[in-house]
C-alpha atoms as a PDB file:
ATOM      1  CA  MET A   1     103.991 115.672 -81.049  1.00  0.00           C
ATOM      2  CA  ILE A   2     106.085 113.728 -78.958  1.00  0.00           C
ATOM      3  CA  LEU A   3     109.438 112.590 -80.059  1.00  0.00           C
ATOM      4  CA  ASP A   4     110.737 109.296 -79.957  1.00  0.00           C
ATOM      5  CA  SER A   5     113.948 108.433 -79.280  1.00  0.00           C
ATOM      6  CA  ASP A   6     115.133 106.803 -82.570  1.00  0.00           C
ATOM      7  CA  TYR A   7     115.322 110.300 -84.058  1.00  0.00           C
ATOM      8  CA  LEU A   8     117.189 112.060 -80.845  1.00  0.00           C
ATOM      9  CA  ILE A   9     119.822 109.101 -80.703  1.00  0.00           C
ATOM     10  CA  ALA A  10     120.136 109.475 -84.740  1.00  0.00           C
ATOM     11  CA  GLY A  11     120.396 113.238 -84.560  1.00  0.00           C
ATOM     12  CA  GLU A  12     123.249 113.267 -81.431  1.00  0.00           C
ATOM     13  CA  ARG A  13     125.096 110.431 -83.374  1.00  0.00           C
ATOM     14  CA  GLN A  14     125.292 112.526 -86.271  1.00  0.00           C
ATOM     15  CA  GLY A  15     126.467 115.453 -84.111  1.00  0.00           C
ATOM     16  CA  LEU A  16     123.602 117.523 -84.317  1.00  0.00           C
ATOM     17  CA  SER A  17     122.666 119.987 -81.110  1.00  0.00           C
ATOM     18  CA  VAL A  18     119.413 119.782 -79.472  1.00  0.00           C
ATOM     19  CA  LEU A  19     118.895 122.989 -80.789  1.00  0.00           C
ATOM     20  CA  GLN A  20     119.462 121.507 -84.603  1.00  0.00           C
ATOM     21  CA  ILE A  21     117.053 118.887 -84.248  1.00  0.00           C
ATOM     22  CA  LEU A  22     114.462 121.201 -83.038  1.00  0.00           C
ATOM     23  CA  GLU A  23     114.920 123.569 -86.094  1.00  0.00           C
ATOM     24  CA  ARG A  24     114.779 120.618 -88.319  1.00  0.00           C
ATOM     25  CA  ILE A  25     111.645 119.522 -86.849  1.00  0.00           C
ATOM     26  CA  GLU A  26     110.460 123.268 -87.052  1.00  0.00           C
ATOM     27  CA  ALA A  27     111.475 123.421 -90.878  1.00  0.00           C
ATOM     28  CA  ALA A  28     109.509 120.200 -92.011  1.00  0.00           C
ATOM     29  CA  PHE A  29     106.487 120.309 -89.764  1.00  0.00           C
ATOM     30  CA  GLY A  30     106.041 124.112 -88.459  1.00  0.00           C
ATOM     31  CA  GLY A  31     105.447 125.411 -85.081  1.00  0.00           C
ATOM     32  CA  VAL A  32     104.053 121.743 -83.758  1.00  0.00           C
ATOM     33  CA  ASP A  33     104.316 121.412 -80.142  1.00  0.00           C
ATOM     34  CA  LEU A  34     106.867 118.740 -78.909  1.00  0.00           C
ATOM     35  CA  GLY A  35     107.736 117.057 -76.110  1.00  0.00           C
ATOM     36  CA  ILE A  36     109.064 113.796 -75.095  1.00  0.00           C
ATOM     37  CA  SER A  37     108.028 111.071 -72.577  1.00  0.00           C
ATOM     38  CA  VAL A  38     110.115 111.016 -69.219  1.00  0.00           C
ATOM     39  CA  VAL A  39     110.474 107.215 -70.676  1.00  0.00           C
ATOM     40  CA  THR A  40     112.405 108.599 -73.418  1.00  0.00           C
ATOM     41  CA  VAL A  41     114.780 110.168 -70.725  1.00  0.00           C
ATOM     42  CA  ALA A  42     115.047 106.630 -69.311  1.00  0.00           C
ATOM     43  CA  GLU A  43     116.178 105.493 -72.806  1.00  0.00           C
ATOM     44  CA  LEU A  44     118.635 107.937 -73.563  1.00  0.00           C
ATOM     45  CA  MET A  45     120.029 107.775 -70.099  1.00  0.00           C
ATOM     46  CA  HIS A  46     120.637 104.031 -70.631  1.00  0.00           C
ATOM     47  CA  GLY A  47     122.327 104.710 -74.019  1.00  0.00           C
ATOM     48  CA  ALA A  48     124.893 107.365 -72.266  1.00  0.00           C
ATOM     49  CA  TYR A  49     125.905 104.988 -69.685  1.00  0.00           C
ATOM     50  CA  ARG A  50     126.449 101.734 -71.968  1.00  0.00           C
ATOM     51  CA  ALA A  51     128.913 104.682 -74.026  1.00  0.00           C
ATOM     52  CA  LYS A  52     132.548 102.821 -73.770  1.00  0.00           C
ATOM     53  CA  GLU A  53     134.531 106.604 -73.726  1.00  0.00           C
ATOM     54  CA  GLN A  54     134.020 108.690 -70.895  1.00  0.00           C
ATOM     55  CA  ALA A  55     133.999 111.838 -73.703  1.00  0.00           C
ATOM     56  CA  ARG A  56     131.038 110.315 -75.230  1.00  0.00           C
ATOM     57  CA  GLN A  57     129.057 109.476 -72.098  1.00  0.00           C
ATOM     58  CA  GLN A  58     129.565 113.145 -71.096  1.00  0.00           C
ATOM     59  CA  ARG A  59     128.446 114.170 -74.690  1.00  0.00           C
ATOM     60  CA  ARG A  60     125.133 112.244 -74.128  1.00  0.00           C
ATOM     61  CA  LEU A  61     124.534 113.259 -70.829  1.00  0.00           C
ATOM     62  CA  ASN A  62     125.049 117.061 -72.152  1.00  0.00           C
ATOM     63  CA  PHE A  63     122.574 116.101 -74.882  1.00  0.00           C
ATOM     64  CA  ILE A  64     119.936 114.952 -72.071  1.00  0.00           C
ATOM     65  CA  ASP A  65     119.772 117.925 -70.044  1.00  0.00           C
ATOM     66  CA  ARG A  66     119.627 120.245 -72.985  1.00  0.00           C
ATOM     67  CA  LEU A  67     116.568 118.352 -74.363  1.00  0.00           C
ATOM     68  CA  CYS A  68     115.250 118.032 -70.929  1.00  0.00           C
ATOM     69  CA  MET A  69     115.455 122.196 -70.657  1.00  0.00           C
ATOM     70  CA  ASP A  70     114.179 123.005 -74.110  1.00  0.00           C
ATOM     71  CA  ILE A  71     111.043 121.027 -74.560  1.00  0.00           C
ATOM     72  CA  PRO A  72     108.367 119.423 -71.918  1.00  0.00           C
ATOM     73  CA  VAL A  73     108.642 116.273 -70.409  1.00  0.00           C
ATOM     74  CA  TYR A  74     106.074 114.502 -69.796  1.00  0.00           C
ATOM     75  CA  PRO A  75     105.270 111.827 -66.852  1.00  0.00           C
ATOM     76  CA  VAL A  76     103.684 108.774 -66.924  1.00  0.00           C
ATOM     77  CA  THR A  77     100.423 109.069 -65.409  1.00  0.00           C
ATOM     78  CA  LEU A  78      98.335 106.772 -63.818  1.00  0.00           C
ATOM     79  CA  GLY A  79      95.899 107.224 -66.856  1.00  0.00           C
ATOM     80  CA  ILE A  80      99.017 106.411 -69.061  1.00  0.00           C
ATOM     81  CA  ALA A  81      99.948 103.522 -66.727  1.00  0.00           C
ATOM     82  CA  ARG A  82      96.855 102.246 -66.898  1.00  0.00           C
ATOM     83  CA  LEU A  83      96.299 101.987 -70.435  1.00  0.00           C
ATOM     84  CA  VAL A  84      99.728 100.819 -70.909  1.00  0.00           C
ATOM     85  CA  GLY A  85      98.758  97.717 -69.068  1.00  0.00           C
ATOM     86  CA  ARG A  86      95.602  97.350 -70.725  1.00  0.00           C
ATOM     87  CA  LEU A  87      96.960  97.458 -74.086  1.00  0.00           C
ATOM     88  CA  GLU A  88      99.945  95.115 -73.240  1.00  0.00           C
ATOM     89  CA  GLY A  89      97.624  92.368 -71.782  1.00  0.00           C
ATOM     90  CA  GLU A  90      95.188  92.674 -74.678  1.00  0.00           C
ATOM     91  CA  LEU A  91      97.977  92.387 -77.193  1.00  0.00           C
ATOM     92  CA  ALA A  92      99.859  89.360 -75.369  1.00  0.00           C
ATOM     93  CA  ASN A  93      96.088  87.854 -75.676  1.00  0.00           C
ATOM     94  CA  ARG A  94      96.142  88.366 -79.403  1.00  0.00           C
ATOM     95  CA  GLY A  95      99.801  86.503 -79.714  1.00  0.00           C
ATOM     96  CA  PHE A  96     101.736  90.136 -79.976  1.00  0.00           C
ATOM     97  CA  THR A  97     104.401  91.606 -77.942  1.00  0.00           C
ATOM     98  CA  MET A  98     105.398  95.278 -78.412  1.00  0.00           C
ATOM     99  CA  ALA A  99     108.627  96.938 -76.161  1.00  0.00           C
ATOM    100  CA  PHE A 100     107.304  98.557 -72.848  1.00  0.00           C
ATOM    101  CA  GLU A 101     109.247 101.644 -73.566  1.00  0.00           C
ATOM    102  CA  ASP A 102     107.251 101.948 -77.062  1.00  0.00           C
ATOM    103  CA  LEU A 103     103.707 101.513 -75.502  1.00  0.00           C
ATOM    104  CA  ALA A 104     104.960 103.810 -72.512  1.00  0.00           C
ATOM    105  CA  VAL A 105     105.820 106.498 -75.114  1.00  0.00           C
ATOM    106  CA  GLY A 106     103.133 105.596 -77.963  1.00  0.00           C
ATOM    107  CA  VAL A 107     100.180 106.006 -75.211  1.00  0.00           C
ATOM    108  CA  THR A 108     101.519 109.466 -73.690  1.00  0.00           C
ATOM    109  CA  ALA A 109     101.368 110.819 -76.800  1.00  0.00           C
ATOM    110  CA  LEU A 110      97.765 109.641 -77.136  1.00  0.00           C
ATOM    111  CA  GLN A 111      96.816 110.816 -73.879  1.00  0.00           C
ATOM    112  CA  LEU A 112      97.800 114.059 -74.764  1.00  0.00           C
ATOM    113  CA  GLY A 113      96.215 114.286 -78.062  1.00  0.00           C
ATOM    114  CA  PHE A 114      99.631 114.430 -79.604  1.00  0.00           C
ATOM    115  CA  GLY A 115     101.185 112.112 -82.271  1.00  0.00           C
ATOM    116  CA  VAL A 116     104.498 110.551 -82.028  1.00  0.00           C
ATOM    117  CA  ALA A 117     107.424 111.491 -84.444  1.00  0.00           C
ATOM    118  CA  THR A 118     109.332 108.335 -85.222  1.00  0.00           C
ATOM    119  CA  MET A 119     112.062 106.926 -87.729  1.00  0.00           C
ATOM    120  CA  ASN A 120     110.523 103.502 -87.037  1.00  0.00           C
ATOM    121  CA  ARG A 121     106.708 103.166 -88.077  1.00  0.00           C
ATOM    122  CA  LYS A 122     106.395  99.690 -86.986  1.00  0.00           C
ATOM    123  CA  HIS A 123     107.475 100.124 -83.530  1.00  0.00           C
ATOM    124  CA  TYR A 124     103.620 102.088 -82.702  1.00  0.00           C
ATOM    125  CA  GLU A 125     101.374 100.299 -85.237  1.00  0.00           C
ATOM    126  CA  LEU A 126     100.116  97.748 -82.696  1.00  0.00           C
ATOM    127  CA  ILE A 127      98.696 101.226 -80.386  1.00  0.00           C
ATOM    128  CA  PRO A 128      94.889 101.967 -81.865  1.00  0.00           C
ATOM    129  CA  ASP A 129      94.408 105.343 -82.832  1.00  0.00           C
ATOM    130  CA  LEU A 130      97.743 106.591 -82.264  1.00  0.00           C
ATOM    131  CA  ASN A 131      98.597 109.681 -84.768  1.00  0.00           C
ATOM    132  CA  ILE A 132     102.332 108.207 -86.304  1.00  0.00           C
ATOM    133  CA  ILE A 133     104.084 110.832 -87.649  1.00  0.00           C
ATOM    134  CA  SER A 134     107.232 109.587 -89.865  1.00  0.00           C
ATOM    135  CA  ILE A 135     110.147 111.597 -89.859  1.00  0.00           C
END
């Protein structure tokens, strides 16, 4: 499964370590293959640099570093980029919009044959055939 940033952010804000978050996922879902999109790294970095206190910023940066060491980070490939663009265009033609970040994360999961694990199903419901896992 590809982890959405919302779950990771919630865990980090609760003071959980990356290991504790991964242990919770293991307890809930068993031995599943986990990963994140490189776009999730960008989202987390954005949040780190928005922190007003230096200590909070450093804690978030350390969290991101640990996360990137502990689970695979999947790139945006040409195939992912093409499908994101296609879906974004098709959705726009139907009068819908979806955040680029969510499209990229969801399409990464779809291309890998993974589900996307999120706390907000609504962010991903417009991606056809995507397995959305509520966590």
